[in-house]
Amino acid sequence: MGPVQAITVGPLQTITPTHEEIERFVVRALCCHRALEGFRTETLAQYKEPTLISAGQFAPGEGAVVIVREGHGAVGMKDAHTRAELAEGAIPFRLGVF
């Protein structure tokens, strides 16, 4: 492994981290990523059947249906509009990994 390069952290300040400091930073970042990935996977797996939820900031004041794939949990969401609402001009949406 080659020498560590100096890193500029401010207008007049540079630092030269050691290999151990770089490794510690990378391992901490990896641990945070793995924790978030596990949390996301477990949360999505809790959905066993389609569920009506708030569409939140994506579609304020509207509902959405969680799309569930057997063995995977939640994989997306779609609008919860009725046929009458769609006929009146409601805009349908569908997001997810299909």
C-alpha atoms as a PDB file:
ATOM      1  CA  MET A   1       0.000   0.000   0.000  1.00  0.00           C
ATOM      2  CA  GLY A   2       1.347   3.435  -0.945  1.00  0.00           C
ATOM      3  CA  PRO A   3       1.700   6.525   1.217  1.00  0.00           C
ATOM      4  CA  VAL A   4      -1.403   8.275   2.508  1.00  0.00           C
ATOM      5  CA  GLN A   5      -2.238  11.525   0.721  1.00  0.00           C
ATOM      6  CA  ALA A   6      -2.866  14.752   2.622  1.00  0.00           C
ATOM      7  CA  ILE A   7      -6.546  15.736   2.803  1.00  0.00           C
ATOM      8  CA  THR A   8      -7.662  19.367   2.774  1.00  0.00           C
ATOM      9  CA  VAL A   9     -10.284  19.933   5.481  1.00  0.00           C
ATOM     10  CA  GLY A  10     -10.459  23.708   5.466  1.00  0.00           C
ATOM     11  CA  PRO A  11      -9.063  26.739   3.671  1.00  0.00           C
ATOM     12  CA  LEU A  12      -5.745  26.600   5.545  1.00  0.00           C
ATOM     13  CA  GLN A  13      -5.783  23.141   7.098  1.00  0.00           C
ATOM     14  CA  THR A  14      -4.688  19.770   5.779  1.00  0.00           C
ATOM     15  CA  ILE A  15      -4.370  16.479   7.589  1.00  0.00           C
ATOM     16  CA  THR A  16      -2.531  13.280   6.766  1.00  0.00           C
ATOM     17  CA  PRO A  17      -4.468  10.388   8.304  1.00  0.00           C
ATOM     18  CA  THR A  18      -2.675   7.203   9.186  1.00  0.00           C
ATOM     19  CA  HIS A  19      -3.637   3.909   7.576  1.00  0.00           C
ATOM     20  CA  GLU A  20      -5.225   2.881  10.885  1.00  0.00           C
ATOM     21  CA  GLU A  21      -7.395   6.042  10.959  1.00  0.00           C
ATOM     22  CA  ILE A  22      -8.541   5.438   7.392  1.00  0.00           C
ATOM     23  CA  GLU A  23      -9.331   1.797   8.159  1.00  0.00           C
ATOM     24  CA  ARG A  24     -11.279   2.799  11.309  1.00  0.00           C
ATOM     25  CA  PHE A  25     -13.298   5.339   9.304  1.00  0.00           C
ATOM     26  CA  VAL A  26     -14.077   2.824   6.530  1.00  0.00           C
ATOM     27  CA  VAL A  27     -15.064   0.075   8.999  1.00  0.00           C
ATOM     28  CA  ARG A  28     -17.379   2.454  10.886  1.00  0.00           C
ATOM     29  CA  ALA A  29     -19.019   3.515   7.622  1.00  0.00           C
ATOM     30  CA  LEU A  30     -19.467  -0.129   6.609  1.00  0.00           C
ATOM     31  CA  CYS A  31     -21.013  -0.979   9.994  1.00  0.00           C
ATOM     32  CA  CYS A  32     -23.473   1.919   9.673  1.00  0.00           C
ATOM     33  CA  HIS A  33     -24.388   0.805   6.149  1.00  0.00           C
ATOM     34  CA  ARG A  34     -24.927  -2.813   7.217  1.00  0.00           C
ATOM     35  CA  ALA A  35     -27.078  -1.708  10.181  1.00  0.00           C
ATOM     36  CA  LEU A  36     -29.275   0.457   7.957  1.00  0.00           C
ATOM     37  CA  GLU A  37     -29.499  -2.295   5.348  1.00  0.00           C
ATOM     38  CA  GLY A  38     -30.608  -4.807   8.005  1.00  0.00           C
ATOM     39  CA  PHE A  39     -33.137  -2.369   9.451  1.00  0.00           C
ATOM     40  CA  ARG A  40     -34.600  -1.711   5.982  1.00  0.00           C
ATOM     41  CA  THR A  41     -34.773  -5.421   5.117  1.00  0.00           C
ATOM     42  CA  GLU A  42     -36.479  -6.328   8.403  1.00  0.00           C
ATOM     43  CA  THR A  43     -38.932  -3.430   8.157  1.00  0.00           C
ATOM     44  CA  LEU A  44     -39.959  -4.285   4.579  1.00  0.00           C
ATOM     45  CA  ALA A  45     -40.302  -7.981   5.458  1.00  0.00           C
ATOM     46  CA  GLN A  46     -42.952  -7.142   8.062  1.00  0.00           C
ATOM     47  CA  TYR A  47     -45.496  -6.464   5.311  1.00  0.00           C
ATOM     48  CA  LYS A  48     -47.274  -9.740   4.574  1.00  0.00           C
ATOM     49  CA  GLU A  49     -50.286  -8.316   2.692  1.00  0.00           C
ATOM     50  CA  PRO A  50     -51.210  -5.059   0.931  1.00  0.00           C
ATOM     51  CA  THR A  51     -51.764  -2.273   3.466  1.00  0.00           C
ATOM     52  CA  LEU A  52     -53.258   1.205   3.099  1.00  0.00           C
ATOM     53  CA  ILE A  53     -50.826   3.911   4.283  1.00  0.00           C
ATOM     54  CA  SER A  54     -50.448   7.670   3.912  1.00  0.00           C
ATOM     55  CA  ALA A  55     -48.592   8.643   0.734  1.00  0.00           C
ATOM     56  CA  GLY A  56     -46.792  11.289   2.795  1.00  0.00           C
ATOM     57  CA  GLN A  57     -44.882  13.989   0.953  1.00  0.00           C
ATOM     58  CA  PHE A  58     -45.044  12.052  -2.316  1.00  0.00           C
ATOM     59  CA  ALA A  59     -48.793  12.717  -2.612  1.00  0.00           C
ATOM     60  CA  PRO A  60     -49.940  14.931   0.310  1.00  0.00           C
ATOM     61  CA  GLY A  61     -53.417  14.136   1.600  1.00  0.00           C
ATOM     62  CA  GLU A  62     -53.685  10.911  -0.395  1.00  0.00           C
ATOM     63  CA  GLY A  63     -53.467   7.258   0.523  1.00  0.00           C
ATOM     64  CA  ALA A  64     -51.240   4.600  -0.983  1.00  0.00           C
ATOM     65  CA  VAL A  65     -51.334   0.821  -1.019  1.00  0.00           C
ATOM     66  CA  VAL A  66     -48.146  -1.040  -0.101  1.00  0.00           C
ATOM     67  CA  ILE A  67     -47.345  -3.571  -2.842  1.00  0.00           C
ATOM     68  CA  VAL A  68     -46.200  -6.865  -1.317  1.00  0.00           C
ATOM     69  CA  ARG A  69     -44.344  -9.714  -2.996  1.00  0.00           C
ATOM     70  CA  GLU A  70     -44.554 -13.104  -1.297  1.00  0.00           C
ATOM     71  CA  GLY A  71     -41.255 -13.998   0.327  1.00  0.00           C
ATOM     72  CA  HIS A  72     -39.910 -10.426  -0.016  1.00  0.00           C
ATOM     73  CA  GLY A  73     -42.323  -8.169   1.847  1.00  0.00           C
ATOM     74  CA  ALA A  74     -42.949  -4.613   0.649  1.00  0.00           C
ATOM     75  CA  VAL A  75     -41.588  -3.911  -2.832  1.00  0.00           C
ATOM     76  CA  GLY A  76     -43.394  -0.678  -3.687  1.00  0.00           C
ATOM     77  CA  MET A  77     -46.534   1.393  -3.397  1.00  0.00           C
ATOM     78  CA  LYS A  78     -49.343   2.559  -5.655  1.00  0.00           C
ATOM     79  CA  ASP A  79     -52.204   5.003  -5.484  1.00  0.00           C
ATOM     80  CA  ALA A  80     -55.343   4.055  -3.568  1.00  0.00           C
ATOM     81  CA  HIS A  81     -57.739   5.840  -5.931  1.00  0.00           C
ATOM     82  CA  THR A  82     -61.133   4.362  -6.703  1.00  0.00           C
ATOM     83  CA  ARG A  83     -62.361   4.067 -10.280  1.00  0.00           C
ATOM     84  CA  ALA A  84     -64.646   7.037  -9.640  1.00  0.00           C
ATOM     85  CA  GLU A  85     -61.701   9.172  -8.440  1.00  0.00           C
ATOM     86  CA  LEU A  86     -59.677   8.177 -11.504  1.00  0.00           C
ATOM     87  CA  ALA A  87     -62.621   9.066 -13.754  1.00  0.00           C
ATOM     88  CA  GLU A  88     -62.752  12.488 -12.083  1.00  0.00           C
ATOM     89  CA  GLY A  89     -59.088  13.115 -12.952  1.00  0.00           C
ATOM     90  CA  ALA A  90     -57.103  11.738 -10.024  1.00  0.00           C
ATOM     91  CA  ILE A  91     -53.529  11.006 -11.089  1.00  0.00           C
ATOM     92  CA  PRO A  92     -52.454   7.382 -10.549  1.00  0.00           C
ATOM     93  CA  PHE A  93     -48.917   6.498  -9.473  1.00  0.00           C
ATOM     94  CA  ARG A  94     -46.893   3.352  -8.931  1.00  0.00           C
ATOM     95  CA  LEU A  95     -43.393   3.145  -7.440  1.00  0.00           C
ATOM     96  CA  GLY A  96     -41.291   0.148  -6.623  1.00  0.00           C
ATOM     97  CA  VAL A  97     -39.032  -2.651  -7.721  1.00  0.00           C
ATOM     98  CA  PHE A  98     -41.049  -4.833 -10.058  1.00  0.00           C
END
